[in-house]
């Protein structure tokens, strides 16, 4: 795994954790009903508009970042796989196009050695 993949993977994990945290911080649609009867406090930390717009925008940007980083990791993984396809592994099955010689004719397989059959007693 190269350095760019490692950095993108760390960014993806941090982005995912921040995204989960922001989603858990947001209030549901039914949360305003309790505040109408005095059980909730006012949302004055983020101004008079409340935290809905800030948290919504932050969640949207984190989601966009999550998808962008995921696509970047997928692209790098594809590039690494393409690079590995150029170097065949010893003992791996060879494709049919690689079995033919440069003249275009296939080499015949060597004949298999026959094992002698054991003498079994007749029953």
Protein backbone atom coordinates (compact mmCIF):
# COMPACT_ATOMS: atom_id res chain seq x y z
CA UNK A 1 0.00 0.00 0.00
CA UNK A 2 1.56 3.28 -1.03
CA UNK A 3 1.57 6.56 0.89
CA UNK A 4 -1.27 8.20 -1.04
CA UNK A 5 -3.57 5.23 -0.36
CA UNK A 6 -2.71 5.32 3.33
CA UNK A 7 -3.40 9.04 3.60
CA UNK A 8 -6.70 8.71 1.74
CA UNK A 9 -7.72 5.79 3.95
CA UNK A 10 -7.00 7.81 7.12
CA UNK A 11 -8.96 10.76 5.72
CA UNK A 12 -11.85 8.44 4.87
CA UNK A 13 -12.02 7.08 8.43
CA UNK A 14 -11.86 10.58 9.96
CA UNK A 15 -14.52 11.80 7.52
CA UNK A 16 -16.78 8.85 8.31
CA UNK A 17 -16.47 9.38 12.07
CA UNK A 18 -17.19 13.10 11.72
CA UNK A 19 -20.17 12.34 9.50
CA UNK A 20 -21.60 9.89 12.02
CA UNK A 21 -21.07 12.42 14.83
CA UNK A 22 -22.84 15.20 12.93
CA UNK A 23 -25.78 12.99 12.06
CA UNK A 24 -26.17 12.01 15.70
CA UNK A 25 -26.04 15.68 16.79
CA UNK A 26 -28.94 16.70 14.58
CA UNK A 27 -32.44 16.82 15.97
CA UNK A 28 -35.23 14.80 14.48
CA UNK A 29 -38.35 16.36 12.97
CA UNK A 30 -40.41 15.65 16.09
CA UNK A 31 -37.92 17.24 18.51
CA UNK A 32 -39.52 20.72 18.23
CA UNK A 33 -42.80 19.51 19.75
CA UNK A 34 -41.20 19.02 23.17
CA UNK A 35 -39.69 22.52 23.09
CA UNK A 36 -43.14 24.03 22.56
CA UNK A 37 -44.26 22.78 26.00
CA UNK A 38 -41.19 24.00 27.87
CA UNK A 39 -39.12 20.81 28.04
CA UNK A 40 -36.43 21.95 25.59
CA UNK A 41 -34.00 24.84 25.57
CA UNK A 42 -33.54 27.46 22.91
CA UNK A 43 -30.99 26.90 20.14
CA UNK A 44 -28.88 30.01 20.79
CA UNK A 45 -25.43 28.44 20.39
CA UNK A 46 -25.50 28.71 16.57
CA UNK A 47 -27.47 31.99 16.43
CA UNK A 48 -31.13 32.78 16.02
CA UNK A 49 -31.50 30.53 12.96
CA UNK A 50 -30.59 27.51 15.06
CA UNK A 51 -28.16 24.74 14.32
CA UNK A 52 -30.15 23.20 11.48
CA UNK A 53 -28.51 25.10 8.63
CA UNK A 54 -24.94 24.78 9.96
CA UNK A 55 -25.25 21.07 10.73
CA UNK A 56 -27.03 20.36 7.46
CA UNK A 57 -24.36 22.13 5.40
CA UNK A 58 -21.53 20.48 7.34
CA UNK A 59 -23.14 17.06 6.87
CA UNK A 60 -23.54 17.67 3.13
CA UNK A 61 -19.88 18.70 2.73
CA UNK A 62 -18.68 15.72 4.74
CA UNK A 63 -20.82 13.40 2.60
CA UNK A 64 -19.37 14.92 -0.58
CA UNK A 65 -15.87 14.46 0.84
CA UNK A 66 -16.65 10.85 1.77
CA UNK A 67 -17.71 10.02 -1.78
CA UNK A 68 -14.76 11.87 -3.33
CA UNK A 69 -12.25 10.05 -1.11
CA UNK A 70 -13.97 6.73 -1.82
CA UNK A 71 -13.73 7.29 -5.57
CA UNK A 72 -10.07 8.28 -5.18
CA UNK A 73 -9.33 5.06 -3.29
CA UNK A 74 -11.17 3.02 -5.90
CA UNK A 75 -9.17 4.66 -8.69
CA UNK A 76 -5.87 3.97 -6.91
CA UNK A 77 -6.86 0.35 -6.26
CA UNK A 78 -7.69 -0.07 -9.96
CA UNK A 79 -4.32 1.39 -10.96
CA UNK A 80 -2.51 -0.96 -8.57
CA UNK A 81 -4.44 -3.94 -9.93
CA UNK A 82 -3.52 -2.98 -13.50
CA UNK A 83 0.14 -2.74 -12.53
CA UNK A 84 0.03 -6.18 -10.90
CA UNK A 85 -1.55 -7.76 -13.99
CA UNK A 86 1.63 -7.00 -15.93
CA UNK A 87 3.70 -9.27 -13.70
CA UNK A 88 2.40 -12.85 -13.64
CA UNK A 89 2.84 -14.78 -10.41
CA UNK A 90 4.75 -18.07 -10.51
CA UNK A 91 2.35 -20.99 -10.39
CA UNK A 92 -0.66 -18.92 -11.41
CA UNK A 93 -2.80 -20.14 -14.31
CA UNK A 94 -1.73 -18.60 -17.62
CA UNK A 95 -4.26 -17.17 -20.06
CA UNK A 96 -4.63 -18.83 -23.46
CA UNK A 97 -3.07 -15.89 -25.28
CA UNK A 98 0.11 -16.30 -23.21
CA UNK A 99 0.51 -20.03 -24.00
CA UNK A 100 1.15 -19.53 -27.70
CA UNK A 101 4.66 -19.00 -29.02
CA UNK A 102 5.81 -15.98 -30.99
CA UNK A 103 5.08 -17.78 -34.28
CA UNK A 104 1.42 -18.10 -33.29
CA UNK A 105 1.39 -21.88 -32.88
CA UNK A 106 0.74 -23.53 -29.58
CA UNK A 107 3.29 -25.84 -28.05
CA UNK A 108 2.08 -29.40 -27.55
CA UNK A 109 1.79 -30.54 -23.97
CA UNK A 110 4.40 -33.08 -22.89
CA UNK A 111 3.02 -36.61 -22.67
CA UNK A 112 2.05 -37.69 -19.18
CA UNK A 113 3.89 -40.63 -17.72
CA UNK A 114 1.68 -43.63 -17.20
CA UNK A 115 1.78 -45.33 -13.83
CA UNK A 116 1.83 -49.13 -13.87
CA UNK A 117 -1.41 -50.65 -12.65
CA UNK A 118 -1.01 -52.69 -9.47
CA UNK A 119 -1.66 -56.42 -9.68
CA UNK A 120 -4.85 -57.07 -7.78
CA UNK A 121 -5.97 -60.57 -6.90
CA UNK A 122 -9.11 -61.81 -8.64
CA UNK A 123 -12.07 -62.21 -6.33
